[in-house]
PDB file of N, CA and C in Angstrom:
ATOM      1  N   MET A   1     209.752 152.935  86.562  1.00  0.00           N
ATOM      2  CA  MET A   1     208.750 152.391  87.488  1.00  0.00           C
ATOM      3  C   MET A   1     207.617 152.746  86.990  1.00  0.00           C
ATOM      4  N   ASN A   2     206.407 151.666  86.935  1.00  0.00           N
ATOM      5  CA  ASN A   2     205.268 151.587  86.667  1.00  0.00           C
ATOM      6  C   ASN A   2     204.319 152.725  87.207  1.00  0.00           C
ATOM      7  N   THR A   3     203.755 153.641  86.406  1.00  0.00           N
ATOM      8  CA  THR A   3     203.048 154.594  87.229  1.00  0.00           C
ATOM      9  C   THR A   3     201.362 154.247  87.522  1.00  0.00           C
ATOM     10  N   SER A   4     201.408 152.968  87.088  1.00  0.00           N
ATOM     11  CA  SER A   4     200.462 152.888  87.383  1.00  0.00           C
ATOM     12  C   SER A   4     200.075 152.077  88.925  1.00  0.00           C
ATOM     13  N   LEU A   5     201.294 151.542  89.174  1.00  0.00           N
ATOM     14  CA  LEU A   5     201.241 151.326  90.928  1.00  0.00           C
ATOM     15  C   LEU A   5     201.027 152.330  91.668  1.00  0.00           C
ATOM     16  N   LYS A   6     200.386 151.836  93.044  1.00  0.00           N
ATOM     17  CA  LYS A   6     200.022 152.857  93.830  1.00  0.00           C
ATOM     18  C   LYS A   6     201.273 152.746  95.286  1.00  0.00           C
ATOM     19  N   ARG A   7     201.447 153.776  95.485  1.00  0.00           N
ATOM     20  CA  ARG A   7     202.334 153.880  97.051  1.00  0.00           C
ATOM     21  C   ARG A   7     201.694 153.581  98.440  1.00  0.00           C
ATOM     22  N   ALA A   8     202.420 152.833  99.179  1.00  0.00           N
ATOM     23  CA  ALA A   8     201.947 152.897 100.234  1.00  0.00           C
ATOM     24  C   ALA A   8     203.030 152.764 101.247  1.00  0.00           C
ATOM     25  N   THR A   9     202.532 152.856 102.610  1.00  0.00           N
ATOM     26  CA  THR A   9     203.861 153.140 103.490  1.00  0.00           C
ATOM     27  C   THR A   9     203.360 151.992 104.679  1.00  0.00           C
ATOM     28  N   VAL A  10     204.182 150.976 104.605  1.00  0.00           N
ATOM     29  CA  VAL A  10     203.976 149.696 105.450  1.00  0.00           C
ATOM     30  C   VAL A  10     205.271 149.322 106.399  1.00  0.00           C
ATOM     31  N   TYR A  11     204.422 149.081 108.036  1.00  0.00           N
ATOM     32  CA  TYR A  11     205.944 149.092 108.978  1.00  0.00           C
ATOM     33  C   TYR A  11     205.579 147.649 109.667  1.00  0.00           C
ATOM     34  N   PHE A  12     207.106 147.419 109.442  1.00  0.00           N
ATOM     35  CA  PHE A  12     207.398 145.831 109.477  1.00  0.00           C
ATOM     36  C   PHE A  12     208.097 145.791 111.191  1.00  0.00           C
ATOM     37  N   ASP A  13     207.847 144.727 111.812  1.00  0.00           N
ATOM     38  CA  ASP A  13     208.600 144.623 112.901  1.00  0.00           C
ATOM     39  C   ASP A  13     210.138 144.622 112.813  1.00  0.00           C
ATOM     40  N   PRO A  14     211.123 145.186 113.075  1.00  0.00           N
ATOM     41  CA  PRO A  14     212.521 144.637 112.460  1.00  0.00           C
ATOM     42  C   PRO A  14     212.849 143.414 111.905  1.00  0.00           C
ATOM     43  N   ARG A  15     212.696 142.638 112.945  1.00  0.00           N
ATOM     44  CA  ARG A  15     213.328 141.356 112.346  1.00  0.00           C
ATOM     45  C   ARG A  15     212.486 140.940 111.220  1.00  0.00           C
ATOM     46  N   VAL A  16     211.206 141.006 111.094  1.00  0.00           N
ATOM     47  CA  VAL A  16     210.689 140.491 110.001  1.00  0.00           C
ATOM     48  C   VAL A  16     211.272 141.265 108.753  1.00  0.00           C
ATOM     49  N   HIS A  17     211.853 142.608 108.676  1.00  0.00           N
ATOM     50  CA  HIS A  17     212.233 143.825 107.825  1.00  0.00           C
ATOM     51  C   HIS A  17     213.338 142.965 107.301  1.00  0.00           C
ATOM     52  N   ARG A  18     214.399 142.533 108.352  1.00  0.00           N
ATOM     53  CA  ARG A  18     215.400 141.975 108.098  1.00  0.00           C
ATOM     54  C   ARG A  18     215.145 140.878 107.305  1.00  0.00           C
ATOM     55  N   ALA A  19     214.572 139.879 107.750  1.00  0.00           N
ATOM     56  CA  ALA A  19     214.247 138.368 106.820  1.00  0.00           C
ATOM     57  C   ALA A  19     213.946 139.035 105.621  1.00  0.00           C
ATOM     58  N   LEU A  20     212.744 139.805 105.636  1.00  0.00           N
ATOM     59  CA  LEU A  20     212.185 140.690 104.202  1.00  0.00           C
ATOM     60  C   LEU A  20     213.765 141.221 103.302  1.00  0.00           C
ATOM     61  N   ARG A  21     214.086 141.489 103.752  1.00  0.00           N
ATOM     62  CA  ARG A  21     215.443 142.233 103.182  1.00  0.00           C
ATOM     63  C   ARG A  21     216.249 141.100 102.381  1.00  0.00           C
ATOM     64  N   LEU A  22     216.732 140.087 103.448  1.00  0.00           N
ATOM     65  CA  LEU A  22     217.870 139.059 102.979  1.00  0.00           C
ATOM     66  C   LEU A  22     216.646 138.069 102.045  1.00  0.00           C
ATOM     67  N   LYS A  23     215.763 137.919 102.128  1.00  0.00           N
ATOM     68  CA  LYS A  23     215.062 137.196 100.801  1.00  0.00           C
ATOM     69  C   LYS A  23     214.709 137.814  99.810  1.00  0.00           C
ATOM     70  N   ALA A  24     214.788 139.253  99.716  1.00  0.00           N
ATOM     71  CA  ALA A  24     214.830 139.825  98.358  1.00  0.00           C
ATOM     72  C   ALA A  24     215.928 139.702  97.855  1.00  0.00           C
ATOM     73  N   VAL A  25     217.171 139.837  98.332  1.00  0.00           N
ATOM     74  CA  VAL A  25     218.503 139.656  98.190  1.00  0.00           C
ATOM     75  C   VAL A  25     218.596 138.188  97.318  1.00  0.00           C
ATOM     76  N   GLU A  26     218.131 137.421  98.426  1.00  0.00           N
ATOM     77  CA  GLU A  26     218.368 135.971  97.687  1.00  0.00           C
ATOM     78  C   GLU A  26     217.759 135.719  96.728  1.00  0.00           C
ATOM     79  N   THR A  27     216.621 136.482  96.504  1.00  0.00           N
ATOM     80  CA  THR A  27     215.634 135.839  95.223  1.00  0.00           C
ATOM     81  C   THR A  27     215.751 137.003  94.219  1.00  0.00           C
ATOM     82  N   GLU A  28     216.606 137.909  94.466  1.00  0.00           N
ATOM     83  CA  GLU A  28     216.729 138.933  93.696  1.00  0.00           C
ATOM     84  C   GLU A  28     215.720 139.783  92.883  1.00  0.00           C
ATOM     85  N   SER A  29     214.637 139.736  93.974  1.00  0.00           N
ATOM     86  CA  SER A  29     213.329 140.621  93.741  1.00  0.00           C
ATOM     87  C   SER A  29     213.562 141.650  94.665  1.00  0.00           C
ATOM     88  N   SER A  30     212.355 142.533  94.676  1.00  0.00           N
ATOM     89  CA  SER A  30     212.722 143.845  95.380  1.00  0.00           C
ATOM     90  C   SER A  30     211.937 143.676  96.477  1.00  0.00           C
ATOM     91  N   ILE A  31     211.725 144.141  97.803  1.00  0.00           N
ATOM     92  CA  ILE A  31     210.765 143.872  98.889  1.00  0.00           C
ATOM     93  C   ILE A  31     209.533 144.491  98.599  1.00  0.00           C
ATOM     94  N   SER A  32     209.283 145.329  97.430  1.00  0.00           N
ATOM     95  CA  SER A  32     207.866 145.600  97.174  1.00  0.00           C
ATOM     96  C   SER A  32     207.349 144.147  96.297  1.00  0.00           C
ATOM     97  N   ASP A  33     208.130 143.615  95.282  1.00  0.00           N
ATOM     98  CA  ASP A  33     207.737 142.674  94.995  1.00  0.00           C
ATOM     99  C   ASP A  33     207.182 141.335  95.543  1.00  0.00           C
ATOM    100  N   LEU A  34     208.137 140.772  96.527  1.00  0.00           N
ATOM    101  CA  LEU A  34     207.592 140.314  97.750  1.00  0.00           C
ATOM    102  C   LEU A  34     206.587 140.393  98.168  1.00  0.00           C
ATOM    103  N   VAL A  35     206.358 141.750  98.873  1.00  0.00           N
ATOM    104  CA  VAL A  35     204.965 142.240  99.378  1.00  0.00           C
ATOM    105  C   VAL A  35     203.717 141.993  98.601  1.00  0.00           C
ATOM    106  N   ASN A  36     203.349 142.412  97.707  1.00  0.00           N
ATOM    107  CA  ASN A  36     202.739 142.098  96.442  1.00  0.00           C
ATOM    108  C   ASN A  36     202.301 140.840  96.147  1.00  0.00           C
ATOM    109  N   GLU A  37     203.303 140.050  96.185  1.00  0.00           N
ATOM    110  CA  GLU A  37     202.980 138.468  96.074  1.00  0.00           C
ATOM    111  C   GLU A  37     202.418 138.034  97.067  1.00  0.00           C
ATOM    112  N   ALA A  38     203.060 138.744  98.143  1.00  0.00           N
ATOM    113  CA  ALA A  38     202.198 137.874  99.630  1.00  0.00           C
ATOM    114  C   ALA A  38     200.792 138.223  99.791  1.00  0.00           C
ATOM    115  N   VAL A  39     200.597 139.472  99.135  1.00  0.00           N
ATOM    116  CA  VAL A  39     199.359 140.165  99.832  1.00  0.00           C
ATOM    117  C   VAL A  39     197.982 139.635  98.543  1.00  0.00           C
ATOM    118  N   LYS A  40     198.953 139.301  97.258  1.00  0.00           N
ATOM    119  CA  LYS A  40     198.041 138.697  96.320  1.00  0.00           C
ATOM    120  C   LYS A  40     198.278 136.965  96.574  1.00  0.00           C
ATOM    121  N   THR A  41     198.506 136.391  97.571  1.00  0.00           N
ATOM    122  CA  THR A  41     198.377 134.974  97.956  1.00  0.00           C
ATOM    123  C   THR A  41     197.186 134.900  99.080  1.00  0.00           C
ATOM    124  N   SER A  42     197.184 136.132  99.879  1.00  0.00           N
ATOM    125  CA  SER A  42     196.287 136.185 101.026  1.00  0.00           C
ATOM    126  C   SER A  42     195.286 136.419 100.355  1.00  0.00           C
ATOM    127  N   LEU A  43     195.038 137.084  99.610  1.00  0.00           N
ATOM    128  CA  LEU A  43     193.864 137.550  98.813  1.00  0.00           C
ATOM    129  C   LEU A  43     193.135 136.515  98.084  1.00  0.00           C
ATOM    130  N   ALA A  44     193.990 135.699  97.508  1.00  0.00           N
ATOM    131  CA  ALA A  44     193.276 134.616  96.138  1.00  0.00           C
ATOM    132  C   ALA A  44     192.764 133.749  97.484  1.00  0.00           C
ATOM    133  N   GLU A  45     193.424 133.501  98.730  1.00  0.00           N
ATOM    134  CA  GLU A  45     192.989 132.565  99.784  1.00  0.00           C
ATOM    135  C   GLU A  45     191.669 132.992 100.405  1.00  0.00           C
ATOM    136  N   ASP A  46     191.475 134.213 100.627  1.00  0.00           N
ATOM    137  CA  ASP A  46     190.418 134.941 100.899  1.00  0.00           C
ATOM    138  C   ASP A  46     188.907 134.408 100.046  1.00  0.00           C
ATOM    139  N   ALA A  47     189.479 134.901  98.344  1.00  0.00           N
ATOM    140  CA  ALA A  47     188.625 134.390  97.401  1.00  0.00           C
ATOM    141  C   ALA A  47     188.073 132.950  97.736  1.00  0.00           C
ATOM    142  N   GLU A  48     188.926 132.124  97.815  1.00  0.00           N
ATOM    143  CA  GLU A  48     188.945 130.572  98.019  1.00  0.00           C
ATOM    144  C   GLU A  48     187.773 130.569  98.931  1.00  0.00           C
ATOM    145  N   ASP A  49     188.005 130.919 100.222  1.00  0.00           N
ATOM    146  CA  ASP A  49     187.503 130.652 101.423  1.00  0.00           C
ATOM    147  C   ASP A  49     185.870 131.147 100.955  1.00  0.00           C
ATOM    148  N   ILE A  50     185.720 132.425 100.532  1.00  0.00           N
ATOM    149  CA  ILE A  50     184.316 132.952 100.362  1.00  0.00           C
ATOM    150  C   ILE A  50     183.683 131.801  99.287  1.00  0.00           C
ATOM    151  N   ILE A  51     184.216 131.472  98.410  1.00  0.00           N
ATOM    152  CA  ILE A  51     183.661 130.444  97.087  1.00  0.00           C
ATOM    153  C   ILE A  51     182.753 129.134  98.336  1.00  0.00           C
ATOM    154  N   ALA A  52     184.143 128.905  99.279  1.00  0.00           N
ATOM    155  CA  ALA A  52     183.573 127.749  99.933  1.00  0.00           C
ATOM    156  C   ALA A  52     182.437 127.852 100.941  1.00  0.00           C
ATOM    157  N   PHE A  53     182.583 128.764 101.601  1.00  0.00           N
ATOM    158  CA  PHE A  53     181.445 129.236 102.158  1.00  0.00           C
ATOM    159  C   PHE A  53     179.980 129.438 101.621  1.00  0.00           C
ATOM    160  N   ASP A  54     180.126 130.123 100.219  1.00  0.00           N
ATOM    161  CA  ASP A  54     178.984 130.320  99.573  1.00  0.00           C
ATOM    162  C   ASP A  54     178.051 128.843  99.055  1.00  0.00           C
ATOM    163  N   LYS A  55     179.508 127.879  98.810  1.00  0.00           N
ATOM    164  CA  LYS A  55     178.773 126.482  98.550  1.00  0.00           C
ATOM    165  C   LYS A  55     178.032 125.864  99.702  1.00  0.00           C
ATOM    166  N   ARG A  56     178.831 126.306 100.814  1.00  0.00           N
ATOM    167  CA  ARG A  56     178.108 125.581 101.810  1.00  0.00           C
ATOM    168  C   ARG A  56     177.042 126.330 102.881  1.00  0.00           C
ATOM    169  N   ALA A  57     176.221 127.447 102.144  1.00  0.00           N
ATOM    170  CA  ALA A  57     175.394 128.509 102.891  1.00  0.00           C
ATOM    171  C   ALA A  57     174.274 127.568 103.086  1.00  0.00           C
ATOM    172  N   SER A  58     173.456 127.032 102.175  1.00  0.00           N
ATOM    173  CA  SER A  58     172.701 125.817 102.355  1.00  0.00           C
ATOM    174  C   SER A  58     172.825 124.993 103.380  1.00  0.00           C
ATOM    175  N   GLU A  59     173.768 124.319 103.706  1.00  0.00           N
ATOM    176  CA  GLU A  59     173.942 123.387 104.688  1.00  0.00           C
ATOM    177  C   GLU A  59     173.512 123.933 105.971  1.00  0.00           C
ATOM    178  N   PRO A  60     172.570 122.627 106.836  1.00  0.00           N
ATOM    179  CA  PRO A  60     171.969 123.292 108.164  1.00  0.00           C
ATOM    180  C   PRO A  60     172.798 123.478 108.880  1.00  0.00           C
ATOM    181  N   ASP A  61     172.576 124.677 109.888  1.00  0.00           N
ATOM    182  CA  ASP A  61     173.575 125.008 111.295  1.00  0.00           C
ATOM    183  C   ASP A  61     173.501 123.715 111.801  1.00  0.00           C
ATOM    184  N   LEU A  62     174.840 123.607 112.859  1.00  0.00           N
ATOM    185  CA  LEU A  62     174.570 122.965 113.900  1.00  0.00           C
ATOM    186  C   LEU A  62     175.355 123.519 114.942  1.00  0.00           C
ATOM    187  N   SER A  63     174.701 123.320 116.175  1.00  0.00           N
ATOM    188  CA  SER A  63     175.284 123.910 117.465  1.00  0.00           C
ATOM    189  C   SER A  63     176.274 123.230 117.865  1.00  0.00           C
ATOM    190  N   PHE A  64     177.097 123.625 118.591  1.00  0.00           N
ATOM    191  CA  PHE A  64     178.120 122.875 118.941  1.00  0.00           C
ATOM    192  C   PHE A  64     177.846 121.779 120.198  1.00  0.00           C
ATOM    193  N   GLU A  65     176.870 122.068 121.064  1.00  0.00           N
ATOM    194  CA  GLU A  65     175.868 120.970 121.375  1.00  0.00           C
ATOM    195  C   GLU A  65     175.380 119.644 120.845  1.00  0.00           C
ATOM    196  N   GLU A  66     174.684 119.938 119.477  1.00  0.00           N
ATOM    197  CA  GLU A  66     174.396 118.841 118.476  1.00  0.00           C
ATOM    198  C   GLU A  66     175.131 118.293 118.496  1.00  0.00           C
ATOM    199  N   VAL A  67     176.678 118.649 117.676  1.00  0.00           N
ATOM    200  CA  VAL A  67     177.931 118.029 117.559  1.00  0.00           C
ATOM    201  C   VAL A  67     178.401 117.042 118.055  1.00  0.00           C
ATOM    202  N   VAL A  68     178.123 117.190 119.319  1.00  0.00           N
ATOM    203  CA  VAL A  68     178.894 116.486 120.624  1.00  0.00           C
ATOM    204  C   VAL A  68     177.964 115.546 121.335  1.00  0.00           C
ATOM    205  N   LYS A  69     176.542 116.229 121.045  1.00  0.00           N
ATOM    206  CA  LYS A  69     175.747 114.668 121.572  1.00  0.00           C
ATOM    207  C   LYS A  69     175.767 113.767 120.248  1.00  0.00           C
ATOM    208  N   ASP A  70     175.888 114.174 119.236  1.00  0.00           N
ATOM    209  CA  ASP A  70     176.415 113.011 117.808  1.00  0.00           C
ATOM    210  C   ASP A  70     177.010 112.134 118.177  1.00  0.00           C
ATOM    211  N   LEU A  71     178.191 112.950 118.192  1.00  0.00           N
ATOM    212  CA  LEU A  71     179.610 112.214 118.569  1.00  0.00           C
ATOM    213  C   LEU A  71     179.737 111.033 119.661  1.00  0.00           C
ATOM    214  N   LYS A  72     178.892 111.607 120.484  1.00  0.00           N
ATOM    215  CA  LYS A  72     178.441 110.979 121.893  1.00  0.00           C
ATOM    216  C   LYS A  72     177.603 109.595 121.690  1.00  0.00           C
ATOM    217  N   ARG A  73     176.522 109.696 120.854  1.00  0.00           N
ATOM    218  CA  ARG A  73     175.560 108.678 120.407  1.00  0.00           C
ATOM    219  C   ARG A  73     176.300 107.838 119.527  1.00  0.00           C
ATOM    220  N   ARG A  74     177.430 108.292 118.504  1.00  0.00           N
ATOM    221  CA  ARG A  74     178.034 107.233 118.014  1.00  0.00           C
ATOM    222  C   ARG A  74     179.201 106.928 118.300  1.00  0.00           C
ATOM    223  N   GLY A  75     179.604 106.809 119.354  1.00  0.00           N
ATOM    224  CA  GLY A  75     180.581 106.204 120.176  1.00  0.00           C
ATOM    225  C   GLY A  75     182.140 106.754 119.830  1.00  0.00           C
ATOM    226  N   LYS A  76     182.001 108.277 119.113  1.00  0.00           N
ATOM    227  CA  LYS A  76     183.065 108.699 118.827  1.00  0.00           C
ATOM    228  C   LYS A  76     183.854 109.434 119.772  1.00  0.00           C
ATOM    229  N   ILE A  77     183.225 109.956 120.916  1.00  0.00           N
ATOM    230  CA  ILE A  77     184.209 110.131 122.365  1.00  0.00           C
ATOM    231  C   ILE A  77     183.243 109.731 123.499  1.00  0.00           C
TER     232      ILE A  77
END
């Protein structure tokens, strides 16, 4: 076992845990490997979202009311 890894206790819904166990068997992976990969994927998506938000930070804020009025004016609704 890699000693640089950190241990955590995670509680799953029993049905989710069963599906996870089955997937681990089917993919010849451990549950830890599957959970680690899922968390990394989620964090990577968060990082992409942060980059997108930063790129759009200088765009003007529009209120919902302004957007609806603009759609109406352009005949979209």
